[in-house]
Amino acid sequence: MVQTLGFVAGTLTAIAFLPQVIKTWRTQSTGDLSLAMLLAQSVGVALWIAYGVAIDSRPVVVTNTVTLVLALLLLALKSSSTLKKASSAQVTRKSG
């Protein structure tokens, strides 16, 4: 029963990121995403995974791994967008 509760809670937490990942992927707009929040979330979730391993809790490890993958995907989209904007700004300055 406790394992099931852990999986349900973790699954709901993990899928909370999914709408943001889908929206960001579709719009390719990351301006409203906070880099600091994404970094803090990713580090925090990585620590939860380490904690789950230490206490041998599959629900903690599995669901936080899913959350980490989604958070890292958002970080990758944010980084890619930032690099594109920086590159675009350089081209504009060179041609201007």
PDB file of N, CA and C in Angstrom:
ATOM      1  N   MET A   1       0.820  -1.196   0.000  1.00  0.00           N
ATOM      2  CA  MET A   1       0.000   0.000   0.000  1.00  0.00           C
ATOM      3  C   MET A   1       0.865   1.261   0.000  1.00  0.00           C
ATOM      4  N   VAL A   2       1.914   1.292   0.803  1.00  0.00           N
ATOM      5  CA  VAL A   2       2.784   2.462   0.872  1.00  0.00           C
ATOM      6  C   VAL A   2       3.519   2.656  -0.456  1.00  0.00           C
ATOM      7  N   GLN A   3       3.970   1.549  -1.070  1.00  0.00           N
ATOM      8  CA  GLN A   3       4.644   1.636  -2.377  1.00  0.00           C
ATOM      9  C   GLN A   3       3.695   2.220  -3.426  1.00  0.00           C
ATOM     10  N   THR A   4       2.450   1.764  -3.419  1.00  0.00           N
ATOM     11  CA  THR A   4       1.454   2.263  -4.375  1.00  0.00           C
ATOM     12  C   THR A   4       1.230   3.756  -4.174  1.00  0.00           C
ATOM     13  N   LEU A   5       1.097   4.172  -2.937  1.00  0.00           N
ATOM     14  CA  LEU A   5       0.926   5.581  -2.630  1.00  0.00           C
ATOM     15  C   LEU A   5       2.117   6.390  -3.147  1.00  0.00           C
ATOM     16  N   GLY A   6       3.308   5.860  -2.952  1.00  0.00           N
ATOM     17  CA  GLY A   6       4.513   6.530  -3.442  1.00  0.00           C
ATOM     18  C   GLY A   6       4.527   6.650  -4.953  1.00  0.00           C
ATOM     19  N   PHE A   7       4.150   5.577  -5.647  1.00  0.00           N
ATOM     20  CA  PHE A   7       4.111   5.629  -7.110  1.00  0.00           C
ATOM     21  C   PHE A   7       3.060   6.612  -7.615  1.00  0.00           C
ATOM     22  N   VAL A   8       1.885   6.622  -6.999  1.00  0.00           N
ATOM     23  CA  VAL A   8       0.823   7.547  -7.423  1.00  0.00           C
ATOM     24  C   VAL A   8       1.267   8.993  -7.196  1.00  0.00           C
ATOM     25  N   ALA A   9       1.786   9.288  -6.023  1.00  0.00           N
ATOM     26  CA  ALA A   9       2.236  10.639  -5.715  1.00  0.00           C
ATOM     27  C   ALA A   9       3.357  11.071  -6.661  1.00  0.00           C
ATOM     28  N   GLY A  10       4.318  10.210  -6.860  1.00  0.00           N
ATOM     29  CA  GLY A  10       5.439  10.526  -7.736  1.00  0.00           C
ATOM     30  C   GLY A  10       5.027  10.680  -9.185  1.00  0.00           C
ATOM     31  N   THR A  11       4.111   9.846  -9.626  1.00  0.00           N
ATOM     32  CA  THR A  11       3.632   9.934 -11.007  1.00  0.00           C
ATOM     33  C   THR A  11       2.924  11.263 -11.249  1.00  0.00           C
ATOM     34  N   LEU A  12       2.074  11.657 -10.319  1.00  0.00           N
ATOM     35  CA  LEU A  12       1.379  12.937 -10.462  1.00  0.00           C
ATOM     36  C   LEU A  12       2.365  14.100 -10.472  1.00  0.00           C
ATOM     37  N   THR A  13       3.382  14.026  -9.635  1.00  0.00           N
ATOM     38  CA  THR A  13       4.407  15.070  -9.611  1.00  0.00           C
ATOM     39  C   THR A  13       5.172  15.110 -10.929  1.00  0.00           C
ATOM     40  N   ALA A  14       5.512  13.937 -11.443  1.00  0.00           N
ATOM     41  CA  ALA A  14       6.270  13.864 -12.694  1.00  0.00           C
ATOM     42  C   ALA A  14       5.458  14.390 -13.873  1.00  0.00           C
ATOM     43  N   ILE A  15       4.192  13.989 -13.967  1.00  0.00           N
ATOM     44  CA  ILE A  15       3.409  14.416 -15.127  1.00  0.00           C
ATOM     45  C   ILE A  15       3.004  15.888 -15.037  1.00  0.00           C
ATOM     46  N   ALA A  16       3.204  16.511 -13.890  1.00  0.00           N
ATOM     47  CA  ALA A  16       2.935  17.943 -13.776  1.00  0.00           C
ATOM     48  C   ALA A  16       3.843  18.732 -14.723  1.00  0.00           C
ATOM     49  N   PHE A  17       5.018  18.217 -15.040  1.00  0.00           N
ATOM     50  CA  PHE A  17       5.937  18.872 -15.971  1.00  0.00           C
ATOM     51  C   PHE A  17       5.517  18.686 -17.426  1.00  0.00           C
ATOM     52  N   LEU A  18       4.767  17.650 -17.716  1.00  0.00           N
ATOM     53  CA  LEU A  18       4.462  17.293 -19.102  1.00  0.00           C
ATOM     54  C   LEU A  18       3.771  18.399 -19.895  1.00  0.00           C
ATOM     55  N   PRO A  19       2.741  19.072 -19.385  1.00  0.00           N
ATOM     56  CA  PRO A  19       2.125  20.141 -20.170  1.00  0.00           C
ATOM     57  C   PRO A  19       3.119  21.247 -20.550  1.00  0.00           C
ATOM     58  N   GLN A  20       4.027  21.580 -19.647  1.00  0.00           N
ATOM     59  CA  GLN A  20       5.020  22.614 -19.958  1.00  0.00           C
ATOM     60  C   GLN A  20       5.989  22.138 -21.025  1.00  0.00           C
ATOM     61  N   VAL A  21       6.412  20.882 -20.949  1.00  0.00           N
ATOM     62  CA  VAL A  21       7.316  20.330 -21.964  1.00  0.00           C
ATOM     63  C   VAL A  21       6.631  20.341 -23.327  1.00  0.00           C
ATOM     64  N   ILE A  22       5.386  19.904 -23.382  1.00  0.00           N
ATOM     65  CA  ILE A  22       4.647  19.861 -24.650  1.00  0.00           C
ATOM     66  C   ILE A  22       4.474  21.265 -25.218  1.00  0.00           C
ATOM     67  N   LYS A  23       4.062  22.211 -24.379  1.00  0.00           N
ATOM     68  CA  LYS A  23       3.858  23.588 -24.844  1.00  0.00           C
ATOM     69  C   LYS A  23       5.165  24.201 -25.351  1.00  0.00           C
ATOM     70  N   THR A  24       6.241  23.991 -24.606  1.00  0.00           N
ATOM     71  CA  THR A  24       7.537  24.544 -24.999  1.00  0.00           C
ATOM     72  C   THR A  24       8.017  23.916 -26.298  1.00  0.00           C
ATOM     73  N   TRP A  25       7.824  22.622 -26.433  1.00  0.00           N
ATOM     74  CA  TRP A  25       8.233  21.916 -27.656  1.00  0.00           C
ATOM     75  C   TRP A  25       7.460  22.441 -28.864  1.00  0.00           C
ATOM     76  N   ARG A  26       6.154  22.603 -28.714  1.00  0.00           N
ATOM     77  CA  ARG A  26       5.303  23.058 -29.828  1.00  0.00           C
ATOM     78  C   ARG A  26       5.579  24.499 -30.215  1.00  0.00           C
ATOM     79  N   THR A  27       5.710  25.383 -29.231  1.00  0.00           N
ATOM     80  CA  THR A  27       5.860  26.810 -29.517  1.00  0.00           C
ATOM     81  C   THR A  27       7.316  27.221 -29.723  1.00  0.00           C
ATOM     82  N   GLN A  28       8.236  26.388 -29.238  1.00  0.00           N
ATOM     83  CA  GLN A  28       9.671  26.719 -29.253  1.00  0.00           C
ATOM     84  C   GLN A  28       9.930  28.044 -28.545  1.00  0.00           C
ATOM     85  N   SER A  29       9.059  28.384 -27.616  1.00  0.00           N
ATOM     86  CA  SER A  29       9.183  29.610 -26.837  1.00  0.00           C
ATOM     87  C   SER A  29       9.587  29.265 -25.410  1.00  0.00           C
ATOM     88  N   THR A  30      10.758  29.744 -25.019  1.00  0.00           N
ATOM     89  CA  THR A  30      11.260  29.440 -23.680  1.00  0.00           C
ATOM     90  C   THR A  30      11.499  30.691 -22.847  1.00  0.00           C
ATOM     91  N   GLY A  31      11.098  31.828 -23.362  1.00  0.00           N
ATOM     92  CA  GLY A  31      11.359  33.088 -22.678  1.00  0.00           C
ATOM     93  C   GLY A  31      10.781  33.160 -21.278  1.00  0.00           C
ATOM     94  N   ASP A  32       9.654  32.517 -21.062  1.00  0.00           N
ATOM     95  CA  ASP A  32       9.019  32.565 -19.751  1.00  0.00           C
ATOM     96  C   ASP A  32       9.525  31.500 -18.785  1.00  0.00           C
ATOM     97  N   LEU A  33      10.417  30.637 -19.242  1.00  0.00           N
ATOM     98  CA  LEU A  33      10.972  29.610 -18.362  1.00  0.00           C
ATOM     99  C   LEU A  33      12.138  30.181 -17.573  1.00  0.00           C
ATOM    100  N   SER A  34      12.122  29.988 -16.287  1.00  0.00           N
ATOM    101  CA  SER A  34      13.195  30.473 -15.430  1.00  0.00           C
ATOM    102  C   SER A  34      14.337  29.459 -15.416  1.00  0.00           C
ATOM    103  N   LEU A  35      15.499  29.891 -15.857  1.00  0.00           N
ATOM    104  CA  LEU A  35      16.667  29.021 -15.856  1.00  0.00           C
ATOM    105  C   LEU A  35      17.033  28.619 -14.428  1.00  0.00           C
ATOM    106  N   ALA A  36      16.960  29.561 -13.509  1.00  0.00           N
ATOM    107  CA  ALA A  36      17.286  29.258 -12.111  1.00  0.00           C
ATOM    108  C   ALA A  36      16.341  28.197 -11.549  1.00  0.00           C
ATOM    109  N   MET A  37      15.060  28.298 -11.852  1.00  0.00           N
ATOM    110  CA  MET A  37      14.090  27.308 -11.362  1.00  0.00           C
ATOM    111  C   MET A  37      14.383  25.939 -11.961  1.00  0.00           C
ATOM    112  N   LEU A  38      14.667  25.893 -13.253  1.00  0.00           N
ATOM    113  CA  LEU A  38      14.938  24.610 -13.905  1.00  0.00           C
ATOM    114  C   LEU A  38      16.212  23.964 -13.347  1.00  0.00           C
ATOM    115  N   LEU A  39      17.226  24.771 -13.100  1.00  0.00           N
ATOM    116  CA  LEU A  39      18.465  24.230 -12.524  1.00  0.00           C
ATOM    117  C   LEU A  39      18.236  23.729 -11.099  1.00  0.00           C
ATOM    118  N   ALA A  40      17.540  24.520 -10.293  1.00  0.00           N
ATOM    119  CA  ALA A  40      17.270  24.114  -8.915  1.00  0.00           C
ATOM    120  C   ALA A  40      16.400  22.858  -8.884  1.00  0.00           C
ATOM    121  N   GLN A  41      15.391  22.807  -9.742  1.00  0.00           N
ATOM    122  CA  GLN A  41      14.509  21.636  -9.809  1.00  0.00           C
ATOM    123  C   GLN A  41      15.302  20.392 -10.200  1.00  0.00           C
ATOM    124  N   SER A  42      16.158  20.532 -11.201  1.00  0.00           N
ATOM    125  CA  SER A  42      16.943  19.385 -11.670  1.00  0.00           C
ATOM    126  C   SER A  42      17.890  18.869 -10.596  1.00  0.00           C
ATOM    127  N   VAL A  43      18.575  19.767  -9.916  1.00  0.00           N
ATOM    128  CA  VAL A  43      19.485  19.351  -8.848  1.00  0.00           C
ATOM    129  C   VAL A  43      18.690  18.719  -7.704  1.00  0.00           C
ATOM    130  N   GLY A  44      17.579  19.335  -7.336  1.00  0.00           N
ATOM    131  CA  GLY A  44      16.744  18.786  -6.265  1.00  0.00           C
ATOM    132  C   GLY A  44      16.235  17.395  -6.589  1.00  0.00           C
ATOM    133  N   VAL A  45      15.782  17.200  -7.816  1.00  0.00           N
ATOM    134  CA  VAL A  45      15.266  15.889  -8.219  1.00  0.00           C
ATOM    135  C   VAL A  45      16.400  14.863  -8.269  1.00  0.00           C
ATOM    136  N   ALA A  46      17.575  15.279  -8.724  1.00  0.00           N
ATOM    137  CA  ALA A  46      18.723  14.361  -8.727  1.00  0.00           C
ATOM    138  C   ALA A  46      19.048  13.919  -7.294  1.00  0.00           C
ATOM    139  N   LEU A  47      18.938  14.842  -6.357  1.00  0.00           N
ATOM    140  CA  LEU A  47      19.172  14.488  -4.956  1.00  0.00           C
ATOM    141  C   LEU A  47      18.088  13.541  -4.432  1.00  0.00           C
ATOM    142  N   TRP A  48      16.841  13.738  -4.866  1.00  0.00           N
ATOM    143  CA  TRP A  48      15.766  12.803  -4.482  1.00  0.00           C
ATOM    144  C   TRP A  48      16.069  11.402  -5.015  1.00  0.00           C
ATOM    145  N   ILE A  49      16.613  11.334  -6.224  1.00  0.00           N
ATOM    146  CA  ILE A  49      16.972  10.023  -6.794  1.00  0.00           C
ATOM    147  C   ILE A  49      18.052   9.373  -5.930  1.00  0.00           C
ATOM    148  N   ALA A  50      19.072  10.140  -5.560  1.00  0.00           N
ATOM    149  CA  ALA A  50      20.127   9.605  -4.694  1.00  0.00           C
ATOM    150  C   ALA A  50      19.549   9.141  -3.364  1.00  0.00           C
ATOM    151  N   TYR A  51      18.646   9.915  -2.810  1.00  0.00           N
ATOM    152  CA  TYR A  51      17.994   9.542  -1.554  1.00  0.00           C
ATOM    153  C   TYR A  51      17.191   8.250  -1.736  1.00  0.00           C
ATOM    154  N   GLY A  52      16.459   8.157  -2.840  1.00  0.00           N
ATOM    155  CA  GLY A  52      15.672   6.954  -3.110  1.00  0.00           C
ATOM    156  C   GLY A  52      16.546   5.718  -3.226  1.00  0.00           C
ATOM    157  N   VAL A  53      17.709   5.875  -3.850  1.00  0.00           N
ATOM    158  CA  VAL A  53      18.652   4.757  -3.943  1.00  0.00           C
ATOM    159  C   VAL A  53      19.144   4.388  -2.549  1.00  0.00           C
ATOM    160  N   ALA A  54      19.471   5.400  -1.747  1.00  0.00           N
ATOM    161  CA  ALA A  54      20.010   5.154  -0.397  1.00  0.00           C
ATOM    162  C   ALA A  54      19.021   4.420   0.497  1.00  0.00           C
ATOM    163  N   ILE A  55      17.735   4.721   0.342  1.00  0.00           N
ATOM    164  CA  ILE A  55      16.738   4.046   1.193  1.00  0.00           C
ATOM    165  C   ILE A  55      16.051   2.891   0.458  1.00  0.00           C
ATOM    166  N   ASP A  56      16.534   2.592  -0.750  1.00  0.00           N
ATOM    167  CA  ASP A  56      16.011   1.490  -1.558  1.00  0.00           C
ATOM    168  C   ASP A  56      14.500   1.629  -1.813  1.00  0.00           C
ATOM    169  N   SER A  57      14.119   2.812  -2.314  1.00  0.00           N
ATOM    170  CA  SER A  57      12.712   3.088  -2.596  1.00  0.00           C
ATOM    171  C   SER A  57      12.489   3.236  -4.097  1.00  0.00           C
ATOM    172  N   ARG A  58      11.921   2.198  -4.703  1.00  0.00           N
ATOM    173  CA  ARG A  58      11.652   2.245  -6.143  1.00  0.00           C
ATOM    174  C   ARG A  58      10.742   3.397  -6.542  1.00  0.00           C
ATOM    175  N   PRO A  59       9.666   3.683  -5.797  1.00  0.00           N
ATOM    176  CA  PRO A  59       8.809   4.804  -6.209  1.00  0.00           C
ATOM    177  C   PRO A  59       9.569   6.130  -6.270  1.00  0.00           C
ATOM    178  N   VAL A  60      10.421   6.371  -5.296  1.00  0.00           N
ATOM    179  CA  VAL A  60      11.183   7.618  -5.277  1.00  0.00           C
ATOM    180  C   VAL A  60      12.149   7.663  -6.452  1.00  0.00           C
ATOM    181  N   VAL A  61      12.838   6.581  -6.719  1.00  0.00           N
ATOM    182  CA  VAL A  61      13.826   6.542  -7.800  1.00  0.00           C
ATOM    183  C   VAL A  61      13.150   6.650  -9.167  1.00  0.00           C
ATOM    184  N   VAL A  62      12.155   5.825  -9.412  1.00  0.00           N
ATOM    185  CA  VAL A  62      11.531   5.770 -10.741  1.00  0.00           C
ATOM    186  C   VAL A  62      10.825   7.075 -11.086  1.00  0.00           C
ATOM    187  N   THR A  63       9.980   7.551 -10.190  1.00  0.00           N
ATOM    188  CA  THR A  63       9.201   8.747 -10.535  1.00  0.00           C
ATOM    189  C   THR A  63      10.074   9.992 -10.611  1.00  0.00           C
ATOM    190  N   ASN A  64      11.087  10.077  -9.769  1.00  0.00           N
ATOM    191  CA  ASN A  64      11.976  11.236  -9.859  1.00  0.00           C
ATOM    192  C   ASN A  64      12.889  11.156 -11.072  1.00  0.00           C
ATOM    193  N   THR A  65      13.190   9.975 -11.547  1.00  0.00           N
ATOM    194  CA  THR A  65      13.953   9.847 -12.786  1.00  0.00           C
ATOM    195  C   THR A  65      13.141  10.394 -13.955  1.00  0.00           C
ATOM    196  N   VAL A  66      11.853  10.075 -13.997  1.00  0.00           N
ATOM    197  CA  VAL A  66      10.981  10.617 -15.043  1.00  0.00           C
ATOM    198  C   VAL A  66      10.933  12.144 -14.939  1.00  0.00           C
ATOM    199  N   THR A  67      10.774  12.652 -13.730  1.00  0.00           N
ATOM    200  CA  THR A  67      10.742  14.099 -13.524  1.00  0.00           C
ATOM    201  C   THR A  67      12.047  14.745 -13.973  1.00  0.00           C
ATOM    202  N   LEU A  68      13.172  14.112 -13.659  1.00  0.00           N
ATOM    203  CA  LEU A  68      14.472  14.653 -14.053  1.00  0.00           C
ATOM    204  C   LEU A  68      14.610  14.694 -15.575  1.00  0.00           C
ATOM    205  N   VAL A  69      14.172  13.656 -16.253  1.00  0.00           N
ATOM    206  CA  VAL A  69      14.240  13.642 -17.714  1.00  0.00           C
ATOM    207  C   VAL A  69      13.436  14.806 -18.293  1.00  0.00           C
ATOM    208  N   LEU A  70      12.227  15.029 -17.772  1.00  0.00           N
ATOM    209  CA  LEU A  70      11.401  16.129 -18.267  1.00  0.00           C
ATOM    210  C   LEU A  70      12.032  17.486 -17.953  1.00  0.00           C
ATOM    211  N   ALA A  71      12.580  17.641 -16.759  1.00  0.00           N
ATOM    212  CA  ALA A  71      13.227  18.899 -16.392  1.00  0.00           C
ATOM    213  C   ALA A  71      14.465  19.146 -17.256  1.00  0.00           C
ATOM    214  N   LEU A  72      15.233  18.093 -17.523  1.00  0.00           N
ATOM    215  CA  LEU A  72      16.406  18.244 -18.383  1.00  0.00           C
ATOM    216  C   LEU A  72      16.018  18.550 -19.816  1.00  0.00           C
ATOM    217  N   LEU A  73      14.902  18.015 -20.266  1.00  0.00           N
ATOM    218  CA  LEU A  73      14.408  18.343 -21.608  1.00  0.00           C
ATOM    219  C   LEU A  73      14.070  19.828 -21.685  1.00  0.00           C
ATOM    220  N   LEU A  74      13.390  20.349 -20.659  1.00  0.00           N
ATOM    221  CA  LEU A  74      13.101  21.781 -20.635  1.00  0.00           C
ATOM    222  C   LEU A  74      14.389  22.606 -20.592  1.00  0.00           C
ATOM    223  N   LEU A  75      15.367  22.158 -19.817  1.00  0.00           N
ATOM    224  CA  LEU A  75      16.657  22.852 -19.774  1.00  0.00           C
ATOM    225  C   LEU A  75      17.334  22.852 -21.142  1.00  0.00           C
ATOM    226  N   ALA A  76      17.263  21.731 -21.838  1.00  0.00           N
ATOM    227  CA  ALA A  76      17.863  21.642 -23.172  1.00  0.00           C
ATOM    228  C   ALA A  76      17.154  22.584 -24.144  1.00  0.00           C
ATOM    229  N   LEU A  77      15.837  22.630 -24.078  1.00  0.00           N
ATOM    230  CA  LEU A  77      15.082  23.543 -24.951  1.00  0.00           C
ATOM    231  C   LEU A  77      15.416  24.992 -24.621  1.00  0.00           C
ATOM    232  N   LYS A  78      15.522  25.304 -23.337  1.00  0.00           N
ATOM    233  CA  LYS A  78      15.878  26.662 -22.897  1.00  0.00           C
ATOM    234  C   LYS A  78      17.275  27.019 -23.387  1.00  0.00           C
ATOM    235  N   SER A  79      18.228  26.122 -23.219  1.00  0.00           N
ATOM    236  CA  SER A  79      19.606  26.376 -23.653  1.00  0.00           C
ATOM    237  C   SER A  79      19.693  26.551 -25.158  1.00  0.00           C
ATOM    238  N   SER A  80      18.996  25.700 -25.888  1.00  0.00           N
ATOM    239  CA  SER A  80      18.998  25.777 -27.344  1.00  0.00           C
ATOM    240  C   SER A  80      18.424  27.109 -27.814  1.00  0.00           C
ATOM    241  N   SER A  81      17.343  27.521 -27.203  1.00  0.00           N
ATOM    242  CA  SER A  81      16.711  28.789 -27.551  1.00  0.00           C
ATOM    243  C   SER A  81      17.632  29.963 -27.240  1.00  0.00           C
ATOM    244  N   THR A  82      18.301  29.913 -26.106  1.00  0.00           N
ATOM    245  CA  THR A  82      19.223  30.983 -25.707  1.00  0.00           C
ATOM    246  C   THR A  82      20.381  31.075 -26.686  1.00  0.00           C
ATOM    247  N   LEU A  83      20.913  29.921 -27.093  1.00  0.00           N
ATOM    248  CA  LEU A  83      22.024  29.908 -28.049  1.00  0.00           C
ATOM    249  C   LEU A  83      21.590  30.453 -29.410  1.00  0.00           C
ATOM    250  N   LYS A  84      20.372  30.094 -29.852  1.00  0.00           N
ATOM    251  CA  LYS A  84      19.865  30.598 -31.133  1.00  0.00           C
ATOM    252  C   LYS A  84      19.712  32.118 -31.102  1.00  0.00           C
ATOM    253  N   LYS A  85      19.190  32.638 -29.985  1.00  0.00           N
ATOM    254  CA  LYS A  85      19.026  34.086 -29.858  1.00  0.00           C
ATOM    255  C   LYS A  85      20.374  34.789 -29.869  1.00  0.00           C
ATOM    256  N   ALA A  86      21.357  34.240 -29.174  1.00  0.00           N
ATOM    257  CA  ALA A  86      22.686  34.838 -29.138  1.00  0.00           C
ATOM    258  C   ALA A  86      23.315  34.814 -30.525  1.00  0.00           C
ATOM    259  N   SER A  87      23.163  33.719 -31.233  1.00  0.00           N
ATOM    260  CA  SER A  87      23.705  33.595 -32.580  1.00  0.00           C
ATOM    261  C   SER A  87      23.025  34.577 -33.528  1.00  0.00           C
ATOM    262  N   SER A  88      21.726  34.695 -33.414  1.00  0.00           N
ATOM    263  CA  SER A  88      20.954  35.618 -34.238  1.00  0.00           C
ATOM    264  C   SER A  88      21.369  37.064 -33.979  1.00  0.00           C
ATOM    265  N   ALA A  89      21.601  37.377 -32.707  1.00  0.00           N
ATOM    266  CA  ALA A  89      22.032  38.732 -32.357  1.00  0.00           C
ATOM    267  C   ALA A  89      23.394  39.063 -32.957  1.00  0.00           C
ATOM    268  N   GLN A  90      24.304  38.094 -32.997  1.00  0.00           N
ATOM    269  CA  GLN A  90      25.620  38.306 -33.593  1.00  0.00           C
ATOM    270  C   GLN A  90      25.499  38.560 -35.088  1.00  0.00           C
ATOM    271  N   VAL A  91      24.668  37.796 -35.765  1.00  0.00           N
ATOM    272  CA  VAL A  91      24.483  37.962 -37.211  1.00  0.00           C
ATOM    273  C   VAL A  91      23.901  39.329 -37.486  1.00  0.00           C
ATOM    274  N   THR A  92      22.953  39.767 -36.678  1.00  0.00           N
ATOM    275  CA  THR A  92      22.311  41.069 -36.856  1.00  0.00           C
ATOM    276  C   THR A  92      23.351  42.196 -36.682  1.00  0.00           C
ATOM    277  N   ARG A  93      24.214  42.072 -35.684  1.00  0.00           N
ATOM    278  CA  ARG A  93      25.229  43.105 -35.445  1.00  0.00           C
ATOM    279  C   ARG A  93      26.253  43.150 -36.573  1.00  0.00           C
ATOM    280  N   LYS A  94      26.618  41.995 -37.117  1.00  0.00           N
ATOM    281  CA  LYS A  94      27.601  41.948 -38.187  1.00  0.00           C
ATOM    282  C   LYS A  94      27.051  42.541 -39.474  1.00  0.00           C
ATOM    283  N   SER A  95      25.773  42.303 -39.738  1.00  0.00           N
ATOM    284  CA  SER A  95      25.185  42.794 -40.979  1.00  0.00           C
ATOM    285  C   SER A  95      24.681  44.224 -40.859  1.00  0.00           C
ATOM    286  N   GLY A  96      24.602  44.717 -39.637  1.00  0.00           N
ATOM    287  CA  GLY A  96      24.030  46.045 -39.407  1.00  0.00           C
ATOM    288  C   GLY A  96      25.021  47.106 -39.373  1.00  0.00           C
TER     289      GLY A  96
END
